[in-house]
Structures are given as structure tokens and as C-alpha cells.
């Protein structure tokens, strides 16, 4: 998803820039991710528990937030759990 301003504030030639500081940004679904949002909505609508297994970095956290946002819109009762792992690698013997 992308963050954007509401449409009435997206006319850069006619909006006073200082108004943007107090504006509430909105999440906008990117066109190339619509199929993912539909899948999350369909699967999440009947889920009782959702396990979020994403990388424990800022990008993974952002994706987890967006997944929660999408699923909560269709299923406010869903419980979310975060899976944390550090690595899945074969142990080397030297």
C-alpha cells in the first residue's frame, strides 16, 4: 500500500502546502497488489487466528501492519499472532 493525501488535497497546484501538515494521510492499495488484497480479504474473512510470519525488519513490520489492516476490515474478530524467527539455515560443521 502507499500513503497518500485525500483526493481534495491531491491537487498540488491549488492546495496551500501548510494544510498538508495537519492532513490525515490515507492508505491506498497499489494496483499491482490488488490480487493479494483480495486473497487476504477472502481468506481472512473466516479466520479466527492469523499468524503473521514476515521478516522482523521494518519492511516485514509494514507488510504485517497492512495485512492486519486488510483482514480487520473484513473480520474484526480475528486474532493476530506474530511469528518471530531469526534464521532458517542449515547448520555448518567446520
PDB file of N, CA and C in Angstrom:
ATOM      1  N   UNK A   1       0.843  -1.178   0.000  1.00  0.00           N
ATOM      2  CA  UNK A   1       0.000   0.000   0.000  1.00  0.00           C
ATOM      3  C   UNK A   1       0.890   1.243   0.000  1.00  0.00           C
ATOM      4  N   UNK A   2       0.315   2.313  -0.408  1.00  0.00           N
ATOM      5  CA  UNK A   2       1.002   3.600  -0.384  1.00  0.00           C
ATOM      6  C   UNK A   2       0.245   4.542   0.540  1.00  0.00           C
ATOM      7  N   UNK A   3       0.959   5.491   1.075  1.00  0.00           N
ATOM      8  CA  UNK A   3       0.317   6.557   1.842  1.00  0.00           C
ATOM      9  C   UNK A   3       0.095   7.721   0.886  1.00  0.00           C
ATOM     10  N   UNK A   4      -1.052   8.347   1.007  1.00  0.00           N
ATOM     11  CA  UNK A   4      -1.371   9.472   0.145  1.00  0.00           C
ATOM     12  C   UNK A   4      -2.261  10.439   0.915  1.00  0.00           C
ATOM     13  N   UNK A   5      -2.526  11.567   0.304  1.00  0.00           N
ATOM     14  CA  UNK A   5      -3.457  12.520   0.876  1.00  0.00           C
ATOM     15  C   UNK A   5      -4.836  12.281   0.284  1.00  0.00           C
ATOM     16  N   UNK A   6      -5.894  12.681   0.989  1.00  0.00           N
ATOM     17  CA  UNK A   6      -7.230  12.581   0.399  1.00  0.00           C
ATOM     18  C   UNK A   6      -7.280  13.341  -0.923  1.00  0.00           C
ATOM     19  N   UNK A   7      -8.178  12.933  -1.783  1.00  0.00           N
ATOM     20  CA  UNK A   7      -8.238  13.480  -3.139  1.00  0.00           C
ATOM     21  C   UNK A   7      -8.346  15.006  -3.170  1.00  0.00           C
ATOM     22  N   UNK A   8      -9.095  15.569  -2.236  1.00  0.00           N
ATOM     23  CA  UNK A   8      -9.260  17.036  -2.251  1.00  0.00           C
ATOM     24  C   UNK A   8      -7.956  17.772  -1.949  1.00  0.00           C
ATOM     25  N   UNK A   9      -6.988  17.082  -1.353  1.00  0.00           N
ATOM     26  CA  UNK A   9      -5.690  17.695  -1.076  1.00  0.00           C
ATOM     27  C   UNK A   9      -4.617  17.260  -2.076  1.00  0.00           C
ATOM     28  N   UNK A  10      -5.004  16.501  -3.061  1.00  0.00           N
ATOM     29  CA  UNK A  10      -4.053  15.988  -4.038  1.00  0.00           C
ATOM     30  C   UNK A  10      -3.946  16.846  -5.289  1.00  0.00           C
ATOM     31  N   UNK A  11      -4.435  18.043  -5.208  1.00  0.00           N
ATOM     32  CA  UNK A  11      -4.326  18.981  -6.326  1.00  0.00           C
ATOM     33  C   UNK A  11      -3.224  19.974  -5.973  1.00  0.00           C
ATOM     34  N   UNK A  12      -2.009  19.599  -6.305  1.00  0.00           N
ATOM     35  CA  UNK A  12      -0.833  20.332  -5.844  1.00  0.00           C
ATOM     36  C   UNK A  12      -0.812  21.789  -6.281  1.00  0.00           C
ATOM     37  N   UNK A  13      -1.410  22.103  -7.379  1.00  0.00           N
ATOM     38  CA  UNK A  13      -1.407  23.490  -7.860  1.00  0.00           C
ATOM     39  C   UNK A  13      -2.405  24.379  -7.118  1.00  0.00           C
ATOM     40  N   UNK A  14      -3.340  23.790  -6.353  1.00  0.00           N
ATOM     41  CA  UNK A  14      -4.351  24.615  -5.701  1.00  0.00           C
ATOM     42  C   UNK A  14      -4.436  24.426  -4.183  1.00  0.00           C
ATOM     43  N   UNK A  15      -3.518  23.667  -3.599  1.00  0.00           N
ATOM     44  CA  UNK A  15      -3.560  23.411  -2.158  1.00  0.00           C
ATOM     45  C   UNK A  15      -2.391  24.133  -1.492  1.00  0.00           C
ATOM     46  N   UNK A  16      -2.707  24.851  -0.452  1.00  0.00           N
ATOM     47  CA  UNK A  16      -1.669  25.516   0.335  1.00  0.00           C
ATOM     48  C   UNK A  16      -0.824  24.432   1.027  1.00  0.00           C
ATOM     49  N   UNK A  17       0.480  24.383   0.782  1.00  0.00           N
ATOM     50  CA  UNK A  17       1.324  23.324   1.364  1.00  0.00           C
ATOM     51  C   UNK A  17       1.214  23.194   2.880  1.00  0.00           C
ATOM     52  N   UNK A  18       0.979  24.279   3.588  1.00  0.00           N
ATOM     53  CA  UNK A  18       0.886  24.200   5.046  1.00  0.00           C
ATOM     54  C   UNK A  18      -0.309  23.352   5.498  1.00  0.00           C
ATOM     55  N   UNK A  19      -1.353  23.232   4.671  1.00  0.00           N
ATOM     56  CA  UNK A  19      -2.507  22.402   5.023  1.00  0.00           C
ATOM     57  C   UNK A  19      -2.153  20.915   5.078  1.00  0.00           C
ATOM     58  N   UNK A  20      -1.105  20.535   4.367  1.00  0.00           N
ATOM     59  CA  UNK A  20      -0.725  19.127   4.313  1.00  0.00           C
ATOM     60  C   UNK A  20      -0.137  18.635   5.633  1.00  0.00           C
ATOM     61  N   UNK A  21       0.403  19.546   6.443  1.00  0.00           N
ATOM     62  CA  UNK A  21       0.991  19.139   7.714  1.00  0.00           C
ATOM     63  C   UNK A  21      -0.051  18.601   8.684  1.00  0.00           C
ATOM     64  N   UNK A  22      -1.265  19.102   8.614  1.00  0.00           N
ATOM     65  CA  UNK A  22      -2.332  18.672   9.515  1.00  0.00           C
ATOM     66  C   UNK A  22      -3.261  17.635   8.886  1.00  0.00           C
ATOM     67  N   UNK A  23      -3.021  17.294   7.632  1.00  0.00           N
ATOM     68  CA  UNK A  23      -3.904  16.355   6.936  1.00  0.00           C
ATOM     69  C   UNK A  23      -3.645  14.928   7.397  1.00  0.00           C
ATOM     70  N   UNK A  24      -4.704  14.158   7.496  1.00  0.00           N
ATOM     71  CA  UNK A  24      -4.614  12.747   7.850  1.00  0.00           C
ATOM     72  C   UNK A  24      -4.348  11.946   6.571  1.00  0.00           C
ATOM     73  N   UNK A  25      -3.197  11.285   6.470  1.00  0.00           N
ATOM     74  CA  UNK A  25      -2.930  10.506   5.257  1.00  0.00           C
ATOM     75  C   UNK A  25      -3.826   9.266   5.201  1.00  0.00           C
ATOM     76  N   UNK A  26      -4.006   8.742   4.019  1.00  0.00           N
ATOM     77  CA  UNK A  26      -4.821   7.552   3.827  1.00  0.00           C
ATOM     78  C   UNK A  26      -3.974   6.467   3.158  1.00  0.00           C
ATOM     79  N   UNK A  27      -4.345   5.215   3.410  1.00  0.00           N
ATOM     80  CA  UNK A  27      -3.689   4.099   2.741  1.00  0.00           C
ATOM     81  C   UNK A  27      -4.378   3.863   1.410  1.00  0.00           C
ATOM     82  N   UNK A  28      -3.578   3.695   0.370  1.00  0.00           N
ATOM     83  CA  UNK A  28      -4.102   3.458  -0.969  1.00  0.00           C
ATOM     84  C   UNK A  28      -3.527   2.134  -1.471  1.00  0.00           C
ATOM     85  N   UNK A  29      -4.386   1.264  -1.935  1.00  0.00           N
ATOM     86  CA  UNK A  29      -3.939  -0.021  -2.459  1.00  0.00           C
ATOM     87  C   UNK A  29      -3.314   0.194  -3.831  1.00  0.00           C
ATOM     88  N   UNK A  30      -2.082  -0.274  -3.978  1.00  0.00           N
ATOM     89  CA  UNK A  30      -1.411  -0.173  -5.268  1.00  0.00           C
ATOM     90  C   UNK A  30      -2.067  -1.142  -6.252  1.00  0.00           C
ATOM     91  N   UNK A  31      -2.160  -0.731  -7.482  1.00  0.00           N
ATOM     92  CA  UNK A  31      -2.828  -1.532  -8.499  1.00  0.00           C
ATOM     93  C   UNK A  31      -2.192  -2.915  -8.657  1.00  0.00           C
ATOM     94  N   UNK A  32      -0.883  -3.003  -8.518  1.00  0.00           N
ATOM     95  CA  UNK A  32      -0.197  -4.284  -8.717  1.00  0.00           C
ATOM     96  C   UNK A  32      -0.363  -5.240  -7.531  1.00  0.00           C
ATOM     97  N   UNK A  33      -1.042  -4.807  -6.462  1.00  0.00           N
ATOM     98  CA  UNK A  33      -1.224  -5.674  -5.291  1.00  0.00           C
ATOM     99  C   UNK A  33      -2.696  -6.013  -5.020  1.00  0.00           C
ATOM    100  N   UNK A  34      -3.567  -5.632  -5.917  1.00  0.00           N
ATOM    101  CA  UNK A  34      -4.997  -5.860  -5.702  1.00  0.00           C
ATOM    102  C   UNK A  34      -5.305  -7.348  -5.520  1.00  0.00           C
ATOM    103  N   UNK A  35      -4.642  -8.225  -6.263  1.00  0.00           N
ATOM    104  CA  UNK A  35      -4.930  -9.661  -6.135  1.00  0.00           C
ATOM    105  C   UNK A  35      -4.549 -10.180  -4.750  1.00  0.00           C
ATOM    106  N   UNK A  36      -3.483  -9.628  -4.152  1.00  0.00           N
ATOM    107  CA  UNK A  36      -3.095 -10.023  -2.797  1.00  0.00           C
ATOM    108  C   UNK A  36      -4.131  -9.546  -1.769  1.00  0.00           C
ATOM    109  N   UNK A  37      -4.605  -8.341  -1.949  1.00  0.00           N
ATOM    110  CA  UNK A  37      -5.612  -7.792  -1.032  1.00  0.00           C
ATOM    111  C   UNK A  37      -6.894  -8.611  -1.127  1.00  0.00           C
ATOM    112  N   UNK A  38      -7.279  -8.994  -2.315  1.00  0.00           N
ATOM    113  CA  UNK A  38      -8.485  -9.830  -2.478  1.00  0.00           C
ATOM    114  C   UNK A  38      -8.301 -11.177  -1.794  1.00  0.00           C
ATOM    115  N   UNK A  39      -7.118 -11.791  -1.966  1.00  0.00           N
ATOM    116  CA  UNK A  39      -6.854 -13.097  -1.339  1.00  0.00           C
ATOM    117  C   UNK A  39      -6.871 -12.975   0.180  1.00  0.00           C
ATOM    118  N   UNK A  40      -6.223 -11.942   0.727  1.00  0.00           N
ATOM    119  CA  UNK A  40      -6.238 -11.732   2.180  1.00  0.00           C
ATOM    120  C   UNK A  40      -7.656 -11.515   2.687  1.00  0.00           C
ATOM    121  N   UNK A  41      -8.427 -10.761   1.957  1.00  0.00           N
ATOM    122  CA  UNK A  41      -9.816 -10.493   2.363  1.00  0.00           C
ATOM    123  C   UNK A  41     -10.632 -11.769   2.365  1.00  0.00           C
ATOM    124  N   UNK A  42     -10.483 -12.569   1.317  1.00  0.00           N
ATOM    125  CA  UNK A  42     -11.257 -13.812   1.210  1.00  0.00           C
ATOM    126  C   UNK A  42     -10.853 -14.796   2.303  1.00  0.00           C
ATOM    127  N   UNK A  43      -9.558 -15.018   2.462  1.00  0.00           N
ATOM    128  CA  UNK A  43      -9.091 -15.978   3.464  1.00  0.00           C
ATOM    129  C   UNK A  43      -9.292 -15.467   4.889  1.00  0.00           C
ATOM    130  N   UNK A  44      -9.063 -14.186   5.084  1.00  0.00           N
ATOM    131  CA  UNK A  44      -9.167 -13.610   6.417  1.00  0.00           C
ATOM    132  C   UNK A  44     -10.576 -13.437   6.918  1.00  0.00           C
ATOM    133  N   UNK A  45     -11.554 -13.429   6.017  1.00  0.00           N
ATOM    134  CA  UNK A  45     -12.938 -13.194   6.440  1.00  0.00           C
ATOM    135  C   UNK A  45     -13.461 -14.294   7.352  1.00  0.00           C
ATOM    136  N   UNK A  46     -12.934 -15.510   7.230  1.00  0.00           N
ATOM    137  CA  UNK A  46     -13.424 -16.605   8.066  1.00  0.00           C
ATOM    138  C   UNK A  46     -12.367 -17.120   9.047  1.00  0.00           C
ATOM    139  N   UNK A  47     -11.227 -16.476   9.119  1.00  0.00           N
ATOM    140  CA  UNK A  47     -10.152 -16.940  10.003  1.00  0.00           C
ATOM    141  C   UNK A  47     -10.407 -16.499  11.440  1.00  0.00           C
ATOM    142  N   UNK A  48     -10.155 -17.393  12.373  1.00  0.00           N
ATOM    143  CA  UNK A  48     -10.255 -16.999  13.778  1.00  0.00           C
ATOM    144  C   UNK A  48      -8.912 -16.493  14.283  1.00  0.00           C
ATOM    145  N   UNK A  49      -7.814 -17.084  13.788  1.00  0.00           N
ATOM    146  CA  UNK A  49      -6.467 -16.662  14.161  1.00  0.00           C
ATOM    147  C   UNK A  49      -5.643 -16.504  12.899  1.00  0.00           C
ATOM    148  N   UNK A  50      -4.873 -15.436  12.838  1.00  0.00           N
ATOM    149  CA  UNK A  50      -3.997 -15.173  11.695  1.00  0.00           C
ATOM    150  C   UNK A  50      -2.572 -15.081  12.219  1.00  0.00           C
ATOM    151  N   UNK A  51      -1.699 -15.907  11.661  1.00  0.00           N
ATOM    152  CA  UNK A  51      -0.284 -15.890  12.042  1.00  0.00           C
ATOM    153  C   UNK A  51       0.492 -15.081  11.007  1.00  0.00           C
ATOM    154  N   UNK A  52       1.140 -14.041  11.473  1.00  0.00           N
ATOM    155  CA  UNK A  52       1.919 -13.165  10.607  1.00  0.00           C
ATOM    156  C   UNK A  52       3.380 -13.596  10.678  1.00  0.00           C
ATOM    157  N   UNK A  53       3.870 -14.228   9.616  1.00  0.00           N
ATOM    158  CA  UNK A  53       5.239 -14.746   9.580  1.00  0.00           C
ATOM    159  C   UNK A  53       6.010 -13.987   8.509  1.00  0.00           C
ATOM    160  N   UNK A  54       6.487 -12.830   8.888  1.00  0.00           N
ATOM    161  CA  UNK A  54       7.244 -11.982   7.967  1.00  0.00           C
ATOM    162  C   UNK A  54       8.593 -11.657   8.591  1.00  0.00           C
ATOM    163  N   UNK A  55       9.489 -11.165   7.778  1.00  0.00           N
ATOM    164  CA  UNK A  55      10.803 -10.779   8.297  1.00  0.00           C
ATOM    165  C   UNK A  55      10.647  -9.774   9.427  1.00  0.00           C
ATOM    166  N   UNK A  56      11.514  -9.889  10.422  1.00  0.00           N
ATOM    167  CA  UNK A  56      11.462  -8.991  11.577  1.00  0.00           C
ATOM    168  C   UNK A  56      12.300  -7.746  11.301  1.00  0.00           C
ATOM    169  N   UNK A  57      11.992  -7.079  10.204  1.00  0.00           N
ATOM    170  CA  UNK A  57      12.644  -5.817   9.872  1.00  0.00           C
ATOM    171  C   UNK A  57      11.552  -4.801   9.561  1.00  0.00           C
ATOM    172  N   UNK A  58      11.939  -3.602   9.217  1.00  0.00           N
ATOM    173  CA  UNK A  58      10.932  -2.559   9.018  1.00  0.00           C
ATOM    174  C   UNK A  58       9.992  -2.879   7.857  1.00  0.00           C
ATOM    175  N   UNK A  59      10.499  -3.501   6.808  1.00  0.00           N
ATOM    176  CA  UNK A  59       9.631  -3.852   5.685  1.00  0.00           C
ATOM    177  C   UNK A  59       8.639  -4.943   6.087  1.00  0.00           C
ATOM    178  N   UNK A  60       9.108  -5.958   6.824  1.00  0.00           N
ATOM    179  CA  UNK A  60       8.219  -7.015   7.295  1.00  0.00           C
ATOM    180  C   UNK A  60       7.152  -6.478   8.224  1.00  0.00           C
ATOM    181  N   UNK A  61       7.527  -5.557   9.085  1.00  0.00           N
ATOM    182  CA  UNK A  61       6.559  -4.952  10.004  1.00  0.00           C
ATOM    183  C   UNK A  61       5.510  -4.145   9.243  1.00  0.00           C
ATOM    184  N   UNK A  62       5.949  -3.439   8.196  1.00  0.00           N
ATOM    185  CA  UNK A  62       4.997  -2.658   7.398  1.00  0.00           C
ATOM    186  C   UNK A  62       4.017  -3.573   6.676  1.00  0.00           C
ATOM    187  N   UNK A  63       4.519  -4.678   6.127  1.00  0.00           N
ATOM    188  CA  UNK A  63       3.644  -5.619   5.437  1.00  0.00           C
ATOM    189  C   UNK A  63       2.667  -6.258   6.430  1.00  0.00           C
ATOM    190  N   UNK A  64       3.148  -6.606   7.632  1.00  0.00           N
ATOM    191  CA  UNK A  64       2.271  -7.181   8.657  1.00  0.00           C
ATOM    192  C   UNK A  64       1.161  -6.190   9.019  1.00  0.00           C
ATOM    193  N   UNK A  65       1.511  -4.923   9.181  1.00  0.00           N
ATOM    194  CA  UNK A  65       0.510  -3.897   9.503  1.00  0.00           C
ATOM    195  C   UNK A  65      -0.552  -3.825   8.404  1.00  0.00           C
ATOM    196  N   UNK A  66      -0.113  -3.862   7.157  1.00  0.00           N
ATOM    197  CA  UNK A  66      -1.054  -3.777   6.053  1.00  0.00           C
ATOM    198  C   UNK A  66      -1.958  -5.006   5.995  1.00  0.00           C
ATOM    199  N   UNK A  67      -1.397  -6.181   6.271  1.00  0.00           N
ATOM    200  CA  UNK A  67      -2.207  -7.406   6.283  1.00  0.00           C
ATOM    201  C   UNK A  67      -3.265  -7.330   7.378  1.00  0.00           C
ATOM    202  N   UNK A  68      -2.873  -6.877   8.560  1.00  0.00           N
ATOM    203  CA  UNK A  68      -3.832  -6.712   9.660  1.00  0.00           C
ATOM    204  C   UNK A  68      -4.924  -5.726   9.259  1.00  0.00           C
ATOM    205  N   UNK A  69      -4.539  -4.631   8.657  1.00  0.00           N
ATOM    206  CA  UNK A  69      -5.492  -3.609   8.226  1.00  0.00           C
ATOM    207  C   UNK A  69      -6.532  -4.200   7.266  1.00  0.00           C
ATOM    208  N   UNK A  70      -6.067  -4.959   6.281  1.00  0.00           N
ATOM    209  CA  UNK A  70      -6.970  -5.544   5.285  1.00  0.00           C
ATOM    210  C   UNK A  70      -7.906  -6.555   5.942  1.00  0.00           C
ATOM    211  N   UNK A  71      -7.351  -7.446   6.758  1.00  0.00           N
ATOM    212  CA  UNK A  71      -8.169  -8.503   7.354  1.00  0.00           C
ATOM    213  C   UNK A  71      -9.140  -7.947   8.382  1.00  0.00           C
ATOM    214  N   UNK A  72      -8.723  -6.966   9.154  1.00  0.00           N
ATOM    215  CA  UNK A  72      -9.640  -6.364  10.150  1.00  0.00           C
ATOM    216  C   UNK A  72     -10.842  -5.709   9.495  1.00  0.00           C
ATOM    217  N   UNK A  73     -10.676  -5.236   8.267  1.00  0.00           N
ATOM    218  CA  UNK A  73     -11.815  -4.629   7.567  1.00  0.00           C
ATOM    219  C   UNK A  73     -12.894  -5.646   7.243  1.00  0.00           C
ATOM    220  N   UNK A  74     -12.506  -6.915   7.051  1.00  0.00           N
ATOM    221  CA  UNK A  74     -13.495  -7.945   6.718  1.00  0.00           C
ATOM    222  C   UNK A  74     -13.802  -8.864   7.897  1.00  0.00           C
ATOM    223  N   UNK A  75     -12.945  -8.827   8.931  1.00  0.00           N
ATOM    224  CA  UNK A  75     -13.131  -9.720  10.072  1.00  0.00           C
ATOM    225  C   UNK A  75     -12.566  -9.073  11.340  1.00  0.00           C
ATOM    226  N   UNK A  76     -13.328  -8.213  11.970  1.00  0.00           N
ATOM    227  CA  UNK A  76     -12.829  -7.514  13.163  1.00  0.00           C
ATOM    228  C   UNK A  76     -12.584  -8.427  14.364  1.00  0.00           C
ATOM    229  N   UNK A  77     -13.087  -9.653  14.325  1.00  0.00           N
ATOM    230  CA  UNK A  77     -12.912 -10.581  15.448  1.00  0.00           C
ATOM    231  C   UNK A  77     -11.638 -11.415  15.346  1.00  0.00           C
ATOM    232  N   UNK A  78     -10.946 -11.355  14.236  1.00  0.00           N
ATOM    233  CA  UNK A  78      -9.736 -12.162  14.048  1.00  0.00           C
ATOM    234  C   UNK A  78      -8.675 -11.792  15.080  1.00  0.00           C
ATOM    235  N   UNK A  79      -7.968 -12.816  15.560  1.00  0.00           N
ATOM    236  CA  UNK A  79      -6.867 -12.634  16.498  1.00  0.00           C
ATOM    237  C   UNK A  79      -5.573 -12.769  15.700  1.00  0.00           C
ATOM    238  N   UNK A  80      -4.640 -11.862  15.935  1.00  0.00           N
ATOM    239  CA  UNK A  80      -3.380 -11.862  15.194  1.00  0.00           C
ATOM    240  C   UNK A  80      -2.236 -12.256  16.110  1.00  0.00           C
ATOM    241  N   UNK A  81      -1.377 -13.120  15.597  1.00  0.00           N
ATOM    242  CA  UNK A  81      -0.184 -13.537  16.326  1.00  0.00           C
ATOM    243  C   UNK A  81       1.010 -13.337  15.405  1.00  0.00           C
ATOM    244  N   UNK A  82       2.093 -12.878  16.001  1.00  0.00           N
ATOM    245  CA  UNK A  82       3.314 -12.589  15.226  1.00  0.00           C
ATOM    246  C   UNK A  82       4.303 -13.716  15.434  1.00  0.00           C
ATOM    247  N   UNK A  83       4.744 -14.326  14.349  1.00  0.00           N
ATOM    248  CA  UNK A  83       5.758 -15.371  14.396  1.00  0.00           C
ATOM    249  C   UNK A  83       7.117 -14.697  14.262  1.00  0.00           C
ATOM    250  N   UNK A  84       7.998 -14.973  15.223  1.00  0.00           N
ATOM    251  CA  UNK A  84       9.348 -14.403  15.161  1.00  0.00           C
ATOM    252  C   UNK A  84      10.355 -15.520  15.001  1.00  0.00           C
ATOM    253  N   UNK A  85      11.240 -15.369  14.080  1.00  0.00           N
ATOM    254  CA  UNK A  85      12.316 -16.324  13.874  1.00  0.00           C
ATOM    255  C   UNK A  85      13.536 -15.544  13.413  1.00  0.00           C
ATOM    256  N   UNK A  86      14.706 -16.086  13.682  1.00  0.00           N
ATOM    257  CA  UNK A  86      15.910 -15.349  13.309  1.00  0.00           C
ATOM    258  C   UNK A  86      16.521 -15.875  12.020  1.00  0.00           C
ATOM    259  N   UNK A  87      16.465 -17.189  11.790  1.00  0.00           N
ATOM    260  CA  UNK A  87      17.011 -17.735  10.552  1.00  0.00           C
ATOM    261  C   UNK A  87      16.567 -19.180  10.396  1.00  0.00           C
ATOM    262  N   UNK A  88      16.473 -19.591   9.174  1.00  0.00           N
ATOM    263  CA  UNK A  88      16.201 -20.977   8.865  1.00  0.00           C
ATOM    264  C   UNK A  88      17.329 -21.402   7.927  1.00  0.00           C
ATOM    265  N   UNK A  89      18.413 -21.871   8.502  1.00  0.00           N
ATOM    266  CA  UNK A  89      19.573 -22.243   7.708  1.00  0.00           C
ATOM    267  C   UNK A  89      20.124 -23.574   8.195  1.00  0.00           C
ATOM    268  N   UNK A  90      20.803 -24.235   7.313  1.00  0.00           N
ATOM    269  CA  UNK A  90      21.447 -25.489   7.674  1.00  0.00           C
ATOM    270  C   UNK A  90      22.688 -25.186   8.498  1.00  0.00           C
ATOM    271  N   UNK A  91      22.830 -25.924   9.596  1.00  0.00           N
ATOM    272  CA  UNK A  91      23.976 -25.707  10.485  1.00  0.00           C
ATOM    273  C   UNK A  91      25.235 -26.237   9.800  1.00  0.00           C
ATOM    274  N   UNK A  92      26.294 -25.418   9.803  1.00  0.00           N
ATOM    275  CA  UNK A  92      27.558 -25.826   9.204  1.00  0.00           C
ATOM    276  C   UNK A  92      28.483 -26.410  10.254  1.00  0.00           C
ATOM    277  N   UNK A  93      29.163 -27.417   9.869  1.00  0.00           N
ATOM    278  CA  UNK A  93      30.188 -28.027  10.732  1.00  0.00           C
ATOM    279  C   UNK A  93      31.538 -27.754  10.118  1.00  0.00           C
ATOM    280  N   UNK A  94      32.430 -27.124  10.847  1.00  0.00           N
ATOM    281  CA  UNK A  94      33.760 -26.812  10.323  1.00  0.00           C
ATOM    282  C   UNK A  94      34.780 -27.785  10.824  1.00  0.00           C
TER     283      UNK A  94
END
